[in-house]
Amino acid sequence: MTSDPALPARLRWAALTEDALAARLRTLARWLRADPQRANLLITLQGDLGAGKTTFVRHLLRALGVTGRIKSPTFALVEPYELTLGAHTLPAWHADLYRFDDPREWTEAGLAELFAGPGLKLVEWPERAGVALGRPDVAVRLAAGADDERRDIELHALSPLGLAVLDALRHDDA
């Protein structure tokens, strides 16, 4: 894991197609599989409705070997997955907080305890949990591009592990 203070804490992908996004997330998945401890990450995803948050999650989970349906947890709140990374098995949690009206719902729903454990945590609409969610390792912002086929994506590293994620993506730019 890198802790180079000179490393920029932001990575931007402009006008990215879905195929290009999938390729970049396969790079991230390879990096996570190389050391399963790296997969103990909190990644938040922000953007307007239809910006591609669930698509981002779907491509990352597919790249990590999840099979079957990967759906938006808008109504279920959280969808659990199991990752097999080499000889290690790790949980992955995909949460969608769009329906939250109050940050206290994060705790009341039992998500604080769930997300305190090991595993990959992917949270859409994190602002709805407020500070109760905690500081993510990587905050992702998605926006529709110039056409319906492209997205502008910014990744912000907010921890040493987040910096290592951005470094891995930067050095294997698809």
N, C-alpha and C. Protein backbone atom coordinates (compact mmCIF):
# COMPACT_ATOMS: atom_id res chain seq x y z
N MET A 1 0.85 -1.17 0.00
CA MET A 1 0.00 0.00 0.00
C MET A 1 0.90 1.23 0.00
N THR A 2 0.57 2.15 -0.86
CA THR A 2 1.36 3.36 -0.96
C THR A 2 0.88 4.41 0.05
N SER A 3 1.80 5.20 0.51
CA SER A 3 1.42 6.31 1.38
C SER A 3 2.18 7.55 0.94
N ASP A 4 2.52 7.63 -0.33
CA ASP A 4 3.26 8.73 -0.91
C ASP A 4 2.45 10.02 -0.80
N PRO A 5 2.91 10.98 0.01
CA PRO A 5 2.13 12.21 0.18
C PRO A 5 2.06 13.04 -1.10
N ALA A 6 2.94 12.77 -2.07
CA ALA A 6 2.92 13.51 -3.33
C ALA A 6 1.88 12.96 -4.29
N LEU A 7 1.32 11.81 -3.98
CA LEU A 7 0.36 11.18 -4.86
C LEU A 7 -0.94 11.98 -4.89
N PRO A 8 -1.40 12.37 -6.07
CA PRO A 8 -2.68 13.10 -6.13
C PRO A 8 -3.80 12.25 -5.54
N ALA A 9 -4.71 12.90 -4.86
CA ALA A 9 -5.80 12.19 -4.20
C ALA A 9 -7.04 12.12 -5.08
N ARG A 10 -6.90 12.41 -6.36
CA ARG A 10 -8.05 12.41 -7.26
C ARG A 10 -7.66 11.80 -8.59
N LEU A 11 -8.56 11.05 -9.16
CA LEU A 11 -8.39 10.47 -10.49
C LEU A 11 -9.67 10.77 -11.25
N ARG A 12 -9.53 11.26 -12.46
CA ARG A 12 -10.70 11.64 -13.26
C ARG A 12 -10.68 10.88 -14.58
N TRP A 13 -11.84 10.31 -14.91
CA TRP A 13 -12.04 9.66 -16.19
C TRP A 13 -13.15 10.41 -16.91
N ALA A 14 -12.84 11.10 -17.96
CA ALA A 14 -13.82 11.89 -18.70
C ALA A 14 -14.36 11.08 -19.88
N ALA A 15 -15.65 11.26 -20.13
CA ALA A 15 -16.32 10.66 -21.29
C ALA A 15 -16.03 9.17 -21.42
N LEU A 16 -16.15 8.46 -20.31
CA LEU A 16 -15.84 7.04 -20.26
C LEU A 16 -17.03 6.22 -20.74
N THR A 17 -16.78 5.30 -21.67
CA THR A 17 -17.84 4.38 -22.11
C THR A 17 -18.00 3.28 -21.06
N GLU A 18 -19.10 2.57 -21.13
CA GLU A 18 -19.32 1.48 -20.19
C GLU A 18 -18.26 0.40 -20.33
N ASP A 19 -17.86 0.09 -21.57
CA ASP A 19 -16.81 -0.91 -21.79
C ASP A 19 -15.49 -0.47 -21.18
N ALA A 20 -15.17 0.80 -21.31
CA ALA A 20 -13.92 1.32 -20.73
C ALA A 20 -13.99 1.29 -19.20
N LEU A 21 -15.15 1.60 -18.64
CA LEU A 21 -15.32 1.51 -17.19
C LEU A 21 -15.12 0.07 -16.73
N ALA A 22 -15.73 -0.88 -17.43
CA ALA A 22 -15.58 -2.29 -17.07
C ALA A 22 -14.11 -2.71 -17.09
N ALA A 23 -13.36 -2.24 -18.09
CA ALA A 23 -11.94 -2.57 -18.18
C ALA A 23 -11.17 -2.00 -17.00
N ARG A 24 -11.45 -0.78 -16.63
CA ARG A 24 -10.75 -0.16 -15.49
C ARG A 24 -11.10 -0.88 -14.18
N LEU A 25 -12.33 -1.31 -14.05
CA LEU A 25 -12.72 -2.02 -12.83
C LEU A 25 -12.15 -3.43 -12.80
N ARG A 26 -11.88 -4.03 -13.96
CA ARG A 26 -11.16 -5.31 -13.99
C ARG A 26 -9.74 -5.11 -13.48
N THR A 27 -9.14 -3.96 -13.80
CA THR A 27 -7.82 -3.63 -13.26
C THR A 27 -7.87 -3.56 -11.74
N LEU A 28 -8.87 -2.89 -11.21
CA LEU A 28 -9.03 -2.79 -9.76
C LEU A 28 -9.22 -4.18 -9.16
N ALA A 29 -10.03 -5.01 -9.78
CA ALA A 29 -10.28 -6.36 -9.27
C ALA A 29 -8.98 -7.18 -9.24
N ARG A 30 -8.16 -7.08 -10.27
CA ARG A 30 -6.87 -7.80 -10.28
C ARG A 30 -6.01 -7.34 -9.10
N TRP A 31 -6.00 -6.05 -8.84
CA TRP A 31 -5.21 -5.50 -7.75
C TRP A 31 -5.74 -5.98 -6.40
N LEU A 32 -7.05 -6.03 -6.25
CA LEU A 32 -7.65 -6.52 -5.00
C LEU A 32 -7.36 -8.00 -4.80
N ARG A 33 -7.44 -8.79 -5.86
CA ARG A 33 -7.17 -10.23 -5.74
C ARG A 33 -5.72 -10.52 -5.38
N ALA A 34 -4.81 -9.64 -5.76
CA ALA A 34 -3.39 -9.84 -5.45
C ALA A 34 -3.13 -9.83 -3.95
N ASP A 35 -3.95 -9.14 -3.18
CA ASP A 35 -3.85 -9.10 -1.72
C ASP A 35 -5.26 -8.88 -1.18
N PRO A 36 -5.95 -9.97 -0.81
CA PRO A 36 -7.35 -9.86 -0.39
C PRO A 36 -7.60 -8.87 0.76
N GLN A 37 -6.58 -8.56 1.56
CA GLN A 37 -6.78 -7.57 2.63
C GLN A 37 -7.13 -6.20 2.06
N ARG A 38 -6.70 -5.96 0.84
CA ARG A 38 -7.03 -4.68 0.18
C ARG A 38 -8.53 -4.52 -0.03
N ALA A 39 -9.24 -5.63 -0.09
CA ALA A 39 -10.68 -5.59 -0.39
C ALA A 39 -11.52 -5.15 0.81
N ASN A 40 -10.90 -4.88 1.94
CA ASN A 40 -11.62 -4.31 3.08
C ASN A 40 -11.73 -2.81 2.87
N LEU A 41 -12.57 -2.46 1.94
CA LEU A 41 -12.71 -1.09 1.46
C LEU A 41 -14.13 -0.57 1.64
N LEU A 42 -14.23 0.72 1.88
CA LEU A 42 -15.52 1.40 1.82
C LEU A 42 -15.46 2.35 0.62
N ILE A 43 -16.29 2.07 -0.36
CA ILE A 43 -16.38 2.91 -1.55
C ILE A 43 -17.78 3.51 -1.60
N THR A 44 -17.84 4.82 -1.66
CA THR A 44 -19.14 5.49 -1.79
C THR A 44 -19.32 5.96 -3.22
N LEU A 45 -20.57 6.00 -3.66
CA LEU A 45 -20.90 6.39 -5.03
C LEU A 45 -21.98 7.45 -5.00
N GLN A 46 -21.67 8.61 -5.57
CA GLN A 46 -22.62 9.71 -5.63
C GLN A 46 -22.86 10.11 -7.07
N GLY A 47 -24.06 10.58 -7.32
CA GLY A 47 -24.43 11.04 -8.65
C GLY A 47 -25.93 11.07 -8.76
N ASP A 48 -26.41 11.78 -9.75
CA ASP A 48 -27.85 11.87 -9.97
C ASP A 48 -28.42 10.51 -10.32
N LEU A 49 -29.74 10.39 -10.26
CA LEU A 49 -30.41 9.18 -10.73
C LEU A 49 -29.97 8.91 -12.16
N GLY A 50 -29.62 7.68 -12.44
CA GLY A 50 -29.21 7.31 -13.79
C GLY A 50 -27.77 7.64 -14.14
N ALA A 51 -26.99 8.09 -13.17
CA ALA A 51 -25.60 8.47 -13.45
C ALA A 51 -24.69 7.26 -13.65
N GLY A 52 -25.11 6.08 -13.19
CA GLY A 52 -24.30 4.89 -13.39
C GLY A 52 -23.72 4.28 -12.13
N LYS A 53 -24.27 4.62 -10.98
CA LYS A 53 -23.75 4.09 -9.72
C LYS A 53 -23.87 2.57 -9.66
N THR A 54 -25.05 2.05 -9.94
CA THR A 54 -25.25 0.60 -9.89
C THR A 54 -24.45 -0.08 -10.99
N THR A 55 -24.33 0.54 -12.13
CA THR A 55 -23.52 -0.02 -13.21
C THR A 55 -22.07 -0.15 -12.77
N PHE A 56 -21.54 0.86 -12.08
CA PHE A 56 -20.18 0.81 -11.54
C PHE A 56 -20.04 -0.40 -10.61
N VAL A 57 -20.98 -0.54 -9.67
CA VAL A 57 -20.94 -1.65 -8.72
C VAL A 57 -21.03 -2.97 -9.46
N ARG A 58 -21.94 -3.07 -10.40
CA ARG A 58 -22.13 -4.32 -11.14
C ARG A 58 -20.84 -4.74 -11.84
N HIS A 59 -20.17 -3.80 -12.50
CA HIS A 59 -18.93 -4.14 -13.20
C HIS A 59 -17.83 -4.54 -12.22
N LEU A 60 -17.74 -3.87 -11.09
CA LEU A 60 -16.72 -4.23 -10.11
C LEU A 60 -16.99 -5.62 -9.53
N LEU A 61 -18.22 -5.89 -9.14
CA LEU A 61 -18.53 -7.21 -8.58
C LEU A 61 -18.35 -8.32 -9.60
N ARG A 62 -18.73 -8.08 -10.86
CA ARG A 62 -18.51 -9.07 -11.92
C ARG A 62 -17.01 -9.35 -12.07
N ALA A 63 -16.21 -8.29 -12.06
CA ALA A 63 -14.76 -8.44 -12.21
C ALA A 63 -14.16 -9.20 -11.03
N LEU A 64 -14.84 -9.15 -9.88
CA LEU A 64 -14.38 -9.89 -8.70
C LEU A 64 -14.97 -11.30 -8.63
N GLY A 65 -15.68 -11.70 -9.68
CA GLY A 65 -16.15 -13.08 -9.78
C GLY A 65 -17.56 -13.35 -9.33
N VAL A 66 -18.32 -12.32 -9.00
CA VAL A 66 -19.71 -12.53 -8.59
C VAL A 66 -20.51 -12.94 -9.81
N THR A 67 -21.26 -14.02 -9.67
CA THR A 67 -22.12 -14.48 -10.76
C THR A 67 -23.58 -14.29 -10.33
N GLY A 68 -24.47 -14.49 -11.26
CA GLY A 68 -25.88 -14.30 -10.94
C GLY A 68 -26.27 -12.84 -11.08
N ARG A 69 -27.46 -12.56 -10.66
CA ARG A 69 -28.01 -11.21 -10.81
C ARG A 69 -27.40 -10.25 -9.80
N ILE A 70 -26.95 -9.13 -10.27
CA ILE A 70 -26.48 -8.05 -9.41
C ILE A 70 -27.43 -6.90 -9.64
N LYS A 71 -28.26 -6.64 -8.65
CA LYS A 71 -29.32 -5.65 -8.84
C LYS A 71 -29.14 -4.48 -7.89
N SER A 72 -29.84 -3.43 -8.19
CA SER A 72 -29.85 -2.27 -7.31
C SER A 72 -30.59 -2.63 -6.03
N PRO A 73 -30.01 -2.32 -4.87
CA PRO A 73 -30.69 -2.61 -3.62
C PRO A 73 -31.62 -1.48 -3.15
N THR A 74 -32.17 -0.72 -4.07
CA THR A 74 -33.01 0.42 -3.71
C THR A 74 -34.12 0.03 -2.74
N PHE A 75 -34.78 -1.08 -2.98
CA PHE A 75 -35.89 -1.49 -2.12
C PHE A 75 -35.43 -2.42 -1.01
N ALA A 76 -34.42 -3.26 -1.29
CA ALA A 76 -33.92 -4.19 -0.27
C ALA A 76 -32.99 -3.49 0.71
N LEU A 77 -32.48 -2.33 0.37
CA LEU A 77 -31.53 -1.53 1.14
C LEU A 77 -30.11 -2.04 1.01
N VAL A 78 -29.90 -3.36 1.21
CA VAL A 78 -28.57 -3.95 1.10
C VAL A 78 -28.66 -5.29 0.39
N GLU A 79 -27.72 -5.51 -0.52
CA GLU A 79 -27.60 -6.81 -1.17
C GLU A 79 -26.25 -7.40 -0.76
N PRO A 80 -26.23 -8.62 -0.21
CA PRO A 80 -24.97 -9.25 0.17
C PRO A 80 -24.41 -10.11 -0.98
N TYR A 81 -23.10 -10.19 -1.04
CA TYR A 81 -22.41 -11.03 -2.01
C TYR A 81 -21.24 -11.68 -1.30
N GLU A 82 -20.72 -12.74 -1.89
CA GLU A 82 -19.54 -13.40 -1.35
C GLU A 82 -18.45 -13.35 -2.41
N LEU A 83 -17.28 -12.87 -2.01
CA LEU A 83 -16.14 -12.79 -2.91
C LEU A 83 -15.16 -13.91 -2.57
N THR A 84 -14.67 -14.58 -3.58
CA THR A 84 -13.60 -15.54 -3.40
C THR A 84 -12.36 -14.94 -4.05
N LEU A 85 -11.42 -14.58 -3.20
CA LEU A 85 -10.18 -13.94 -3.65
C LEU A 85 -9.03 -14.88 -3.29
N GLY A 86 -8.63 -15.68 -4.25
CA GLY A 86 -7.62 -16.69 -3.97
C GLY A 86 -8.19 -17.69 -2.98
N ALA A 87 -7.47 -17.92 -1.88
CA ALA A 87 -7.91 -18.86 -0.86
C ALA A 87 -8.82 -18.20 0.17
N HIS A 88 -9.10 -16.92 -0.02
CA HIS A 88 -9.88 -16.16 0.96
C HIS A 88 -11.31 -15.91 0.47
N THR A 89 -12.22 -15.96 1.41
CA THR A 89 -13.61 -15.59 1.14
C THR A 89 -13.92 -14.35 1.96
N LEU A 90 -14.54 -13.39 1.32
CA LEU A 90 -14.81 -12.11 1.95
C LEU A 90 -16.21 -11.65 1.57
N PRO A 91 -16.95 -11.08 2.50
CA PRO A 91 -18.27 -10.56 2.13
C PRO A 91 -18.15 -9.25 1.36
N ALA A 92 -19.14 -9.00 0.56
CA ALA A 92 -19.29 -7.71 -0.10
C ALA A 92 -20.73 -7.27 0.15
N TRP A 93 -20.89 -5.98 0.41
CA TRP A 93 -22.20 -5.42 0.71
C TRP A 93 -22.44 -4.25 -0.22
N HIS A 94 -23.58 -4.25 -0.89
CA HIS A 94 -23.97 -3.16 -1.77
C HIS A 94 -25.21 -2.52 -1.17
N ALA A 95 -25.07 -1.29 -0.72
CA ALA A 95 -26.19 -0.58 -0.10
C ALA A 95 -26.63 0.59 -0.96
N ASP A 96 -27.90 0.85 -0.96
CA ASP A 96 -28.48 2.00 -1.65
C ASP A 96 -29.34 2.74 -0.63
N LEU A 97 -28.91 3.93 -0.27
CA LEU A 97 -29.57 4.69 0.79
C LEU A 97 -30.53 5.75 0.26
N TYR A 98 -30.90 5.63 -1.01
CA TYR A 98 -31.76 6.63 -1.64
C TYR A 98 -33.03 6.89 -0.85
N ARG A 99 -33.60 5.88 -0.26
CA ARG A 99 -34.89 6.00 0.43
C ARG A 99 -34.76 6.53 1.86
N PHE A 100 -33.53 6.74 2.33
CA PHE A 100 -33.35 7.29 3.68
C PHE A 100 -33.81 8.74 3.71
N ASP A 101 -34.52 9.09 4.78
CA ASP A 101 -34.92 10.48 5.00
C ASP A 101 -34.11 11.13 6.11
N ASP A 102 -33.47 10.31 6.93
CA ASP A 102 -32.77 10.81 8.11
C ASP A 102 -31.53 9.94 8.34
N PRO A 103 -30.38 10.54 8.62
CA PRO A 103 -29.17 9.75 8.85
C PRO A 103 -29.29 8.72 9.97
N ARG A 104 -30.20 8.93 10.91
CA ARG A 104 -30.39 7.95 12.00
C ARG A 104 -30.86 6.60 11.47
N GLU A 105 -31.45 6.59 10.28
CA GLU A 105 -31.92 5.34 9.70
C GLU A 105 -30.76 4.37 9.46
N TRP A 106 -29.56 4.90 9.24
CA TRP A 106 -28.36 4.08 9.05
C TRP A 106 -28.16 3.15 10.26
N THR A 107 -28.21 3.74 11.43
CA THR A 107 -28.02 2.98 12.66
C THR A 107 -29.24 2.12 12.96
N GLU A 108 -30.42 2.70 12.81
CA GLU A 108 -31.66 1.97 13.10
C GLU A 108 -31.82 0.73 12.23
N ALA A 109 -31.30 0.78 11.01
CA ALA A 109 -31.39 -0.36 10.10
C ALA A 109 -30.33 -1.42 10.39
N GLY A 110 -29.45 -1.16 11.34
CA GLY A 110 -28.40 -2.12 11.69
C GLY A 110 -27.20 -2.09 10.77
N LEU A 111 -27.13 -1.07 9.93
CA LEU A 111 -26.04 -1.02 8.96
C LEU A 111 -24.70 -0.65 9.60
N ALA A 112 -24.73 0.09 10.68
CA ALA A 112 -23.47 0.45 11.35
C ALA A 112 -22.73 -0.81 11.78
N GLU A 113 -23.44 -1.77 12.38
CA GLU A 113 -22.82 -3.02 12.81
C GLU A 113 -22.37 -3.84 11.61
N LEU A 114 -23.22 -3.93 10.61
CA LEU A 114 -22.90 -4.71 9.41
C LEU A 114 -21.65 -4.18 8.73
N PHE A 115 -21.56 -2.87 8.59
CA PHE A 115 -20.45 -2.27 7.88
C PHE A 115 -19.19 -2.12 8.73
N ALA A 116 -19.29 -2.42 10.02
CA ALA A 116 -18.10 -2.37 10.89
C ALA A 116 -17.21 -3.60 10.68
N GLY A 117 -17.76 -4.65 10.11
CA GLY A 117 -17.00 -5.88 9.89
C GLY A 117 -16.16 -5.82 8.63
N PRO A 118 -15.42 -6.88 8.38
CA PRO A 118 -14.56 -6.92 7.19
C PRO A 118 -15.40 -7.05 5.93
N GLY A 119 -14.80 -6.70 4.82
CA GLY A 119 -15.45 -6.88 3.53
C GLY A 119 -15.44 -5.63 2.69
N LEU A 120 -15.88 -5.81 1.48
CA LEU A 120 -16.01 -4.72 0.52
C LEU A 120 -17.39 -4.10 0.71
N LYS A 121 -17.41 -2.79 0.95
CA LYS A 121 -18.67 -2.09 1.16
C LYS A 121 -18.83 -1.03 0.09
N LEU A 122 -19.94 -1.10 -0.63
CA LEU A 122 -20.24 -0.19 -1.73
C LEU A 122 -21.56 0.50 -1.40
N VAL A 123 -21.52 1.82 -1.29
CA VAL A 123 -22.70 2.55 -0.80
C VAL A 123 -23.10 3.64 -1.79
N GLU A 124 -24.31 3.49 -2.33
CA GLU A 124 -24.89 4.54 -3.16
C GLU A 124 -25.66 5.51 -2.28
N TRP A 125 -25.65 6.77 -2.63
CA TRP A 125 -26.32 7.83 -1.90
C TRP A 125 -25.78 7.93 -0.47
N PRO A 126 -24.47 7.96 -0.27
CA PRO A 126 -23.91 7.98 1.09
C PRO A 126 -24.27 9.22 1.89
N GLU A 127 -24.55 10.31 1.21
CA GLU A 127 -24.90 11.55 1.92
C GLU A 127 -26.16 11.37 2.76
N ARG A 128 -26.98 10.39 2.44
CA ARG A 128 -28.22 10.15 3.20
C ARG A 128 -27.94 9.55 4.58
N ALA A 129 -26.72 9.00 4.78
CA ALA A 129 -26.35 8.47 6.10
C ALA A 129 -25.58 9.51 6.91
N GLY A 130 -25.18 10.59 6.29
CA GLY A 130 -24.43 11.62 6.99
C GLY A 130 -23.12 11.09 7.55
N VAL A 131 -22.70 11.64 8.67
CA VAL A 131 -21.43 11.24 9.28
C VAL A 131 -21.49 9.84 9.89
N ALA A 132 -22.69 9.29 10.07
CA ALA A 132 -22.82 7.96 10.65
C ALA A 132 -22.14 6.90 9.80
N LEU A 133 -22.06 7.13 8.50
CA LEU A 133 -21.43 6.17 7.60
C LEU A 133 -19.93 6.07 7.85
N GLY A 134 -19.32 7.16 8.24
CA GLY A 134 -17.87 7.18 8.39
C GLY A 134 -17.20 7.62 7.10
N ARG A 135 -15.90 7.78 7.18
CA ARG A 135 -15.12 8.26 6.05
C ARG A 135 -14.81 7.11 5.10
N PRO A 136 -15.15 7.23 3.83
CA PRO A 136 -14.85 6.16 2.89
C PRO A 136 -13.35 6.14 2.54
N ASP A 137 -12.92 5.04 1.99
CA ASP A 137 -11.57 4.96 1.44
C ASP A 137 -11.52 5.65 0.09
N VAL A 138 -12.57 5.43 -0.70
CA VAL A 138 -12.68 6.04 -2.03
C VAL A 138 -14.09 6.57 -2.19
N ALA A 139 -14.20 7.83 -2.57
CA ALA A 139 -15.49 8.44 -2.89
C ALA A 139 -15.54 8.63 -4.41
N VAL A 140 -16.56 8.06 -5.02
CA VAL A 140 -16.73 8.11 -6.47
C VAL A 140 -17.88 9.05 -6.79
N ARG A 141 -17.65 9.96 -7.73
CA ARG A 141 -18.71 10.84 -8.22
C ARG A 141 -18.91 10.53 -9.70
N LEU A 142 -20.15 10.27 -10.07
CA LEU A 142 -20.49 9.95 -11.45
C LEU A 142 -21.43 11.00 -12.01
N ALA A 143 -21.24 11.34 -13.26
CA ALA A 143 -22.12 12.30 -13.93
C ALA A 143 -22.29 11.86 -15.38
N ALA A 144 -23.47 12.11 -15.90
CA ALA A 144 -23.72 11.81 -17.31
C ALA A 144 -22.78 12.64 -18.16
N GLY A 145 -22.28 12.02 -19.21
CA GLY A 145 -21.39 12.73 -20.13
C GLY A 145 -22.18 13.48 -21.19
N ALA A 146 -21.51 13.79 -22.27
CA ALA A 146 -22.13 14.55 -23.35
C ALA A 146 -23.24 13.77 -24.05
N ASP A 147 -23.18 12.45 -23.98
CA ASP A 147 -24.24 11.63 -24.56
C ASP A 147 -24.61 10.54 -23.56
N ASP A 148 -25.64 9.76 -23.88
CA ASP A 148 -26.13 8.73 -22.97
C ASP A 148 -25.17 7.56 -22.82
N GLU A 149 -24.16 7.48 -23.67
CA GLU A 149 -23.25 6.34 -23.67
C GLU A 149 -22.00 6.57 -22.83
N ARG A 150 -21.79 7.77 -22.34
CA ARG A 150 -20.55 8.09 -21.63
C ARG A 150 -20.83 8.70 -20.27
N ARG A 151 -19.88 8.51 -19.37
CA ARG A 151 -19.97 9.06 -18.02
C ARG A 151 -18.65 9.75 -17.67
N ASP A 152 -18.76 10.79 -16.88
CA ASP A 152 -17.58 11.42 -16.28
C ASP A 152 -17.51 10.89 -14.87
N ILE A 153 -16.34 10.39 -14.49
CA ILE A 153 -16.18 9.76 -13.19
C ILE A 153 -14.95 10.35 -12.51
N GLU A 154 -15.12 10.73 -11.25
CA GLU A 154 -14.01 11.18 -10.42
C GLU A 154 -13.93 10.27 -9.21
N LEU A 155 -12.71 9.83 -8.92
CA LEU A 155 -12.46 9.02 -7.74
C LEU A 155 -11.59 9.84 -6.81
N HIS A 156 -11.99 9.94 -5.55
CA HIS A 156 -11.25 10.71 -4.54
C HIS A 156 -10.78 9.74 -3.46
N ALA A 157 -9.49 9.73 -3.21
CA ALA A 157 -8.92 8.90 -2.16
C ALA A 157 -9.00 9.66 -0.84
N LEU A 158 -9.52 9.00 0.18
CA LEU A 158 -9.70 9.64 1.47
C LEU A 158 -9.01 8.86 2.60
N SER A 159 -8.17 7.90 2.23
CA SER A 159 -7.41 7.11 3.21
C SER A 159 -6.15 6.60 2.51
N PRO A 160 -5.19 6.08 3.26
CA PRO A 160 -4.02 5.48 2.61
C PRO A 160 -4.40 4.34 1.66
N LEU A 161 -5.38 3.52 2.05
CA LEU A 161 -5.83 2.45 1.16
C LEU A 161 -6.48 3.03 -0.08
N GLY A 162 -7.22 4.11 0.08
CA GLY A 162 -7.82 4.78 -1.07
C GLY A 162 -6.75 5.32 -2.02
N LEU A 163 -5.67 5.87 -1.47
CA LEU A 163 -4.56 6.32 -2.31
C LEU A 163 -3.95 5.16 -3.09
N ALA A 164 -3.84 4.00 -2.44
CA ALA A 164 -3.29 2.83 -3.12
C ALA A 164 -4.21 2.37 -4.24
N VAL A 165 -5.52 2.46 -4.04
CA VAL A 165 -6.48 2.12 -5.10
C VAL A 165 -6.26 3.03 -6.30
N LEU A 166 -6.21 4.33 -6.07
CA LEU A 166 -6.01 5.27 -7.17
C LEU A 166 -4.67 5.05 -7.86
N ASP A 167 -3.65 4.75 -7.08
CA ASP A 167 -2.33 4.48 -7.64
C ASP A 167 -2.37 3.26 -8.56
N ALA A 168 -3.05 2.19 -8.12
CA ALA A 168 -3.17 0.98 -8.94
C ALA A 168 -3.91 1.28 -10.24
N LEU A 169 -4.97 2.07 -10.16
CA LEU A 169 -5.74 2.42 -11.35
C LEU A 169 -4.96 3.34 -12.27
N ARG A 170 -4.20 4.23 -11.70
CA ARG A 170 -3.43 5.19 -12.48
C ARG A 170 -2.31 4.49 -13.25
N HIS A 171 -1.71 3.47 -12.65
CA HIS A 171 -0.58 2.80 -13.28
C HIS A 171 -0.99 1.73 -14.27
N ASP A 172 -2.25 1.44 -14.36
CA ASP A 172 -2.75 0.48 -15.33
C ASP A 172 -3.95 1.09 -16.03
N ASP A 173 -3.77 2.29 -16.54
CA ASP A 173 -4.86 3.02 -17.19
C ASP A 173 -5.27 2.30 -18.46
N ALA A 174 -6.51 1.79 -18.44
CA ALA A 174 -7.00 0.95 -19.55
C ALA A 174 -7.18 1.72 -20.82
